[in-house]
Amino acid sequence: MACQAKAITLLLSILAVSLCKPSNGAGIAIYWGQNGNEGSLADTCNTGNYQFVNVAFLSSFGNGQSPVLNLAGHCDPSAGTCTGISNDIRSCQNQGIKVLLSIGGGAGSYSLSSADDAGQVANYIWNNFLGGQSSSRPLGDAILDGVDFDIESGSGQFWDDLARALNGFSQQRKVYLAAAPQCIFPDANLDTAIKTGLFDYVWVQFYNNPSCQYVNDATGLLSAWNQWTTVQSNQIFLGLPAAPEAAPSGGFIPADVLISQVLPSIKGSPKYGGVMLWSKQYDNGYSAAIKGSV
């Protein structure tokens, strides 16, 4: 009888712990790197608010271009002043935070001309930011956890080839893949890539897109969310601006509205992964206000 009581107590304890955990290990992803006044990468991770940080951006690559890492006012990769970020990357990873290289962006110069070109870009990223080796690693010797595809211009061609090539390196060391499509479904640039089923995380940009973002109510957003949960990825994130000024064409949702009106409607999805925010520069209390509800 005593053993039975202990077993029931243990079962209740396990149940209590599981109920206290965020659903599906949900968390917040943040973009960092596009404003020198947003604090260091280590400062960002030390807030305790984020489970993912996208270092943005590798803004030029492909089609014969020399790859360019643009970290705005933080440091100058061409002068070798970004290698110290390795210590910050390791500090974040030691806290269980995944740090990804974000490629593309809204103002970059990038394109892929062929499957072979995609393979060359993948090799460059592997050797300079991931588990490979190069004498010119822009961020030093720390190994990033993966790559975020923030492809907002050009054509949708060959991004699937890039995803496959990067995933191929997972035989040596896991390369996490993330995508940041616009909320209009399907995304013009990343549809073919996402259909490979290789992306661990898809954080959809529900902003600067009036037809599928929050506008007075969540009708358009929820309709688009339901479409996005059909893609082949285990975790779909609600991408939002961290402040009104972060998205000139709208999509900001006040924290109290997000918590009371939007999250309850999407957290029931088995693919719900959490919230993505653009960006650390604008996140002055927003992530702290929502993290207990994500």
Protein backbone atom coordinates (compact mmCIF):
# COMPACT_ATOMS: atom_id res chain seq x y z
CA MET A 1 0.00 0.00 0.00
CA ALA A 2 2.86 2.33 0.90
CA CYS A 3 4.50 1.60 -2.46
CA GLN A 4 1.25 2.38 -4.24
CA ALA A 5 0.96 5.70 -2.39
CA LYS A 6 4.55 6.59 -3.32
CA ALA A 7 3.86 5.73 -6.94
CA ILE A 8 0.79 7.97 -7.00
CA THR A 9 2.73 10.80 -5.33
CA LEU A 10 5.52 10.43 -7.92
CA LEU A 11 3.01 10.43 -10.77
CA LEU A 12 1.34 13.58 -9.44
CA SER A 13 4.75 15.27 -9.09
CA ILE A 14 5.64 14.45 -12.69
CA LEU A 15 2.25 15.72 -13.85
CA ALA A 16 2.67 18.96 -11.90
CA VAL A 17 6.09 19.57 -13.43
CA SER A 18 4.82 18.86 -16.94
CA LEU A 19 1.90 21.25 -16.48
CA CYS A 20 4.25 24.02 -15.41
CA LYS A 21 6.34 23.76 -18.55
CA PRO A 22 5.57 26.03 -21.51
CA SER A 23 3.67 24.14 -24.21
CA ASN A 24 5.99 22.29 -26.58
CA GLY A 25 8.96 23.97 -24.90
CA ALA A 26 7.72 27.22 -26.46
CA GLY A 27 10.01 30.21 -26.42
CA ILE A 28 10.91 33.57 -27.92
CA ALA A 29 13.26 34.12 -30.86
CA ILE A 30 14.91 37.51 -31.37
CA TYR A 31 16.95 39.14 -34.14
CA TRP A 32 20.18 40.83 -33.06
CA GLY A 33 22.89 42.64 -34.98
CA GLN A 34 21.34 45.52 -36.89
CA ASN A 35 21.84 48.34 -34.40
CA GLY A 36 25.01 49.08 -32.47
CA ASN A 37 23.02 50.57 -29.58
CA GLU A 38 21.02 47.41 -28.82
CA GLY A 39 23.63 45.97 -26.44
CA SER A 40 25.95 43.04 -26.93
CA LEU A 41 24.97 39.52 -27.88
CA ALA A 42 25.88 38.41 -24.36
CA ASP A 43 23.67 41.14 -22.87
CA THR A 44 20.82 39.94 -25.08
CA CYS A 45 21.11 36.35 -23.88
CA ASN A 46 21.61 37.38 -20.26
CA THR A 47 18.11 38.90 -20.14
CA GLY A 48 16.78 35.35 -19.85
CA ASN A 49 13.97 36.25 -22.25
CA TYR A 50 15.05 34.36 -25.36
CA GLN A 51 15.54 30.76 -26.45
CA PHE A 52 16.83 31.66 -29.94
CA VAL A 53 18.95 34.53 -31.25
CA ASN A 54 19.36 35.18 -34.97
CA VAL A 55 22.60 37.05 -35.68
CA ALA A 56 21.66 39.32 -38.60
CA PHE A 57 22.70 39.45 -41.39
CA LEU A 58 24.93 37.72 -43.89
CA SER A 59 23.60 40.29 -46.32
CA SER A 60 25.55 39.61 -49.53
CA PHE A 61 26.32 36.20 -50.99
CA GLY A 62 25.77 34.00 -54.01
CA ASN A 63 26.01 34.54 -57.75
CA GLY A 64 29.74 35.17 -57.64
CA GLN A 65 29.64 37.79 -54.89
CA SER A 66 32.06 37.80 -51.99
CA PRO A 67 29.98 37.07 -48.89
CA VAL A 68 29.51 40.08 -46.59
CA LEU A 69 28.47 39.94 -42.93
CA ASN A 70 26.77 43.18 -41.88
CA LEU A 71 26.44 43.72 -38.12
CA ALA A 72 25.74 47.45 -38.39
CA GLY A 73 27.47 49.39 -35.61
CA HIS A 74 28.57 46.39 -33.55
CA CYS A 75 31.84 45.62 -35.33
CA ASP A 76 33.51 45.45 -38.74
CA PRO A 77 34.02 41.90 -40.03
CA SER A 78 36.37 43.07 -42.79
CA ALA A 79 38.66 44.56 -40.15
CA GLY A 80 38.51 41.41 -38.04
CA THR A 81 36.82 43.19 -35.10
CA CYS A 82 33.91 40.73 -34.80
CA THR A 83 35.89 37.68 -33.73
CA GLY A 84 35.39 38.55 -30.05
CA ILE A 85 31.70 37.73 -30.46
CA SER A 86 32.73 34.07 -30.17
CA ASN A 87 32.81 34.44 -26.39
CA ASP A 88 29.30 35.86 -26.45
CA ILE A 89 28.06 33.02 -28.66
CA ARG A 90 29.45 30.42 -26.26
CA SER A 91 27.96 32.29 -23.30
CA CYS A 92 24.53 32.15 -24.95
CA GLN A 93 24.88 28.48 -25.83
CA ASN A 94 25.94 27.64 -22.29
CA GLN A 95 22.56 28.98 -21.21
CA GLY A 96 20.79 26.63 -23.62
CA ILE A 97 20.10 29.35 -26.20
CA LYS A 98 20.46 28.47 -29.87
CA VAL A 99 22.38 31.06 -31.88
CA LEU A 100 21.77 31.08 -35.64
CA LEU A 101 23.26 33.00 -38.53
CA SER A 102 20.52 34.87 -40.36
CA ILE A 103 21.10 35.19 -44.09
CA GLY A 104 19.40 37.68 -46.39
CA GLY A 105 17.36 40.47 -44.85
CA GLY A 106 15.25 43.23 -46.29
CA ALA A 107 18.11 45.28 -47.75
CA GLY A 108 20.73 42.72 -48.72
CA SER A 109 22.31 41.87 -52.06
CA TYR A 110 21.92 38.13 -52.43
CA SER A 111 20.77 35.54 -54.93
CA LEU A 112 21.51 32.00 -56.01
CA SER A 113 22.16 31.30 -59.68
CA SER A 114 22.16 27.49 -59.63
CA ALA A 115 22.18 24.41 -57.45
CA ASP A 116 25.98 24.45 -57.67
CA ASP A 117 26.00 28.07 -56.47
CA ALA A 118 23.82 27.03 -53.52
CA GLY A 119 26.31 24.29 -52.71
CA GLN A 120 29.19 26.78 -52.73
CA VAL A 121 27.31 29.12 -50.40
CA ALA A 122 26.55 26.20 -48.07
CA ASN A 123 30.23 25.27 -47.98
CA TYR A 124 31.16 28.87 -47.18
CA ILE A 125 28.65 29.06 -44.32
CA TRP A 126 29.69 25.66 -42.94
CA ASN A 127 33.39 26.53 -42.96
CA ASN A 128 33.09 30.11 -41.74
CA PHE A 129 30.26 29.96 -39.18
CA LEU A 130 29.36 26.35 -38.44
CA GLY A 131 31.36 23.19 -37.81
CA GLY A 132 33.88 23.49 -40.62
CA GLN A 133 37.24 25.20 -40.67
CA SER A 134 38.51 28.39 -42.26
CA SER A 135 41.31 30.85 -41.58
CA SER A 136 38.88 33.76 -41.92
CA ARG A 137 35.92 33.01 -39.65
CA PRO A 138 34.21 36.44 -39.22
CA LEU A 139 32.82 35.65 -35.75
CA GLY A 140 35.83 33.70 -34.54
CA ASP A 141 36.01 30.04 -33.62
CA ALA A 142 32.60 29.62 -31.94
CA ILE A 143 30.29 27.25 -33.79
CA LEU A 144 26.81 28.62 -34.47
CA ASP A 145 23.86 26.27 -34.12
CA GLY A 146 22.36 26.79 -37.53
CA VAL A 147 21.09 29.11 -40.24
CA ASP A 148 17.98 31.29 -40.54
CA PHE A 149 16.67 32.00 -44.04
CA ASP A 150 15.30 35.58 -44.08
CA ILE A 151 14.92 35.77 -47.85
CA GLU A 152 12.86 38.81 -48.79
CA SER A 153 13.92 39.56 -52.37
CA GLY A 154 14.91 37.92 -55.63
CA SER A 155 13.41 34.69 -56.83
CA GLY A 156 12.42 31.55 -54.99
CA GLN A 157 14.92 29.47 -56.92
CA PHE A 158 17.61 27.27 -55.39
CA TRP A 159 16.85 28.03 -51.72
CA ASP A 160 15.71 24.42 -51.45
CA ASP A 161 19.13 23.37 -52.75
CA LEU A 162 20.79 25.53 -50.10
CA ALA A 163 18.64 23.96 -47.39
CA ARG A 164 19.53 20.45 -48.57
CA ALA A 165 23.24 21.27 -48.76
CA LEU A 166 23.30 22.74 -45.26
CA ASN A 167 21.28 19.85 -43.90
CA GLY A 168 23.83 17.49 -45.43
CA PHE A 169 26.40 18.76 -42.95
CA SER A 170 24.18 17.52 -40.12
CA GLN A 171 25.83 14.14 -40.64
CA GLN A 172 28.87 15.75 -39.03
CA ARG A 173 27.16 18.13 -36.61
CA LYS A 174 23.48 19.06 -36.40
CA VAL A 175 22.68 22.20 -38.40
CA TYR A 176 19.37 23.71 -37.28
CA LEU A 177 17.45 25.41 -40.07
CA ALA A 178 14.95 28.22 -39.62
CA ALA A 179 12.88 30.20 -42.12
CA ALA A 180 11.29 33.64 -41.78
CA PRO A 181 8.64 33.84 -44.51
CA GLN A 182 6.11 36.63 -44.91
CA CYS A 183 2.65 35.74 -43.58
CA ILE A 184 1.06 35.72 -47.04
CA PHE A 185 0.72 32.01 -47.80
CA PRO A 186 2.61 30.53 -49.51
CA ASP A 187 5.71 32.69 -49.32
CA ALA A 188 6.98 33.79 -52.73
CA ASN A 189 10.65 33.26 -51.93
CA LEU A 190 10.75 30.37 -49.47
CA ASP A 191 7.86 28.11 -50.44
CA THR A 192 9.98 25.54 -52.29
CA ALA A 193 12.60 25.51 -49.54
CA ILE A 194 10.04 25.05 -46.76
CA LYS A 195 8.44 22.19 -48.71
CA THR A 196 11.67 20.19 -48.30
CA GLY A 197 10.53 19.56 -44.72
CA LEU A 198 14.06 20.29 -43.49
CA PHE A 199 13.28 23.40 -41.43
CA ASP A 200 13.20 22.92 -37.68
CA TYR A 201 11.60 26.31 -37.09
CA VAL A 202 9.41 28.53 -39.26
CA TRP A 203 8.91 31.98 -37.71
CA VAL A 204 6.37 33.71 -39.90
CA GLN A 205 6.50 37.50 -40.26
CA PHE A 206 2.99 38.64 -39.31
CA TYR A 207 3.89 42.29 -39.90
CA ASN A 208 4.28 44.72 -42.81
CA ASN A 209 1.65 42.56 -44.53
CA PRO A 210 -1.81 44.13 -43.93
CA SER A 211 -3.80 41.22 -45.37
CA CYS A 212 -2.55 38.72 -42.78
CA GLN A 213 -1.38 40.76 -39.81
CA TYR A 214 -3.28 42.01 -36.77
CA VAL A 215 -5.46 44.97 -37.80
CA ASN A 216 -7.94 45.91 -35.05
CA ASP A 217 -8.64 42.22 -34.59
CA ALA A 218 -6.94 38.87 -35.25
CA THR A 219 -9.23 37.57 -38.02
CA GLY A 220 -6.72 37.82 -40.88
CA LEU A 221 -3.84 36.71 -38.69
CA LEU A 222 -5.61 33.59 -37.44
CA SER A 223 -6.69 32.62 -40.93
CA ALA A 224 -3.09 32.85 -42.14
CA TRP A 225 -1.80 31.07 -39.01
CA ASN A 226 -4.03 28.09 -39.77
CA GLN A 227 -2.53 27.90 -43.25
CA TRP A 228 1.02 28.07 -41.93
CA THR A 229 0.47 25.23 -39.50
CA THR A 230 0.01 22.93 -42.50
CA VAL A 231 3.67 23.22 -43.59
CA GLN A 232 6.25 20.52 -42.92
CA SER A 233 7.91 21.86 -39.79
CA ASN A 234 7.56 20.77 -36.20
CA GLN A 235 7.46 24.32 -34.84
CA ILE A 236 5.72 27.40 -36.21
CA PHE A 237 6.30 30.77 -34.51
CA LEU A 238 4.22 33.94 -34.53
CA GLY A 239 6.59 36.64 -35.80
CA LEU A 240 5.83 40.13 -34.48
CA PRO A 241 7.42 43.58 -34.22
CA ALA A 242 8.64 44.31 -30.69
CA ALA A 243 7.38 47.91 -30.96
CA PRO A 244 5.17 49.88 -33.38
CA GLU A 245 8.19 51.60 -34.96
CA ALA A 246 9.75 48.21 -35.75
CA ALA A 247 7.17 47.66 -38.51
CA PRO A 248 6.24 50.82 -40.46
CA SER A 249 3.44 49.00 -42.31
CA GLY A 250 1.85 47.68 -39.14
CA GLY A 251 1.37 44.43 -37.30
CA PHE A 252 2.29 45.47 -33.75
CA ILE A 253 0.07 43.86 -31.12
CA PRO A 254 0.09 45.36 -27.60
CA ALA A 255 1.31 42.82 -25.05
CA ASP A 256 -2.00 42.64 -23.19
CA VAL A 257 -3.93 42.07 -26.42
CA LEU A 258 -1.48 39.39 -27.54
CA ILE A 259 -1.82 37.58 -24.23
CA SER A 260 -5.60 37.81 -23.97
CA GLN A 261 -6.80 37.62 -27.58
CA VAL A 262 -4.19 36.02 -29.82
CA LEU A 263 -2.03 33.51 -27.96
CA PRO A 264 -4.99 31.55 -26.56
CA SER A 265 -6.18 30.97 -30.13
CA ILE A 266 -2.89 29.65 -31.49
CA LYS A 267 -1.30 27.83 -28.55
CA GLY A 268 -3.62 24.88 -29.06
CA SER A 269 -1.83 24.03 -32.29
CA PRO A 270 0.52 21.06 -31.85
CA LYS A 271 3.01 22.94 -34.05
CA TYR A 272 3.01 26.13 -31.95
CA GLY A 273 6.62 26.95 -31.13
CA GLY A 274 6.42 30.42 -29.62
CA VAL A 275 6.93 34.02 -30.70
CA MET A 276 9.62 35.60 -32.87
CA LEU A 277 10.42 39.30 -32.41
CA TRP A 278 11.98 41.90 -34.67
CA SER A 279 14.27 43.01 -33.16
CA LYS A 280 16.46 43.48 -30.07
CA GLN A 281 16.82 47.17 -30.91
CA TYR A 282 13.07 47.65 -30.40
CA ASP A 283 12.53 45.17 -27.58
CA ASN A 284 12.35 47.48 -24.61
CA GLY A 285 10.16 45.42 -22.30
CA TYR A 286 7.93 43.60 -24.81
CA SER A 287 9.54 40.17 -24.46
CA ALA A 288 9.60 40.51 -20.69
CA ALA A 289 5.88 41.32 -20.70
CA ILE A 290 4.88 38.30 -22.80
CA LYS A 291 7.37 35.57 -21.89
CA GLY A 292 5.27 34.18 -19.05
CA SER A 293 2.39 33.65 -21.46
CA VAL A 294 4.28 32.34 -24.48
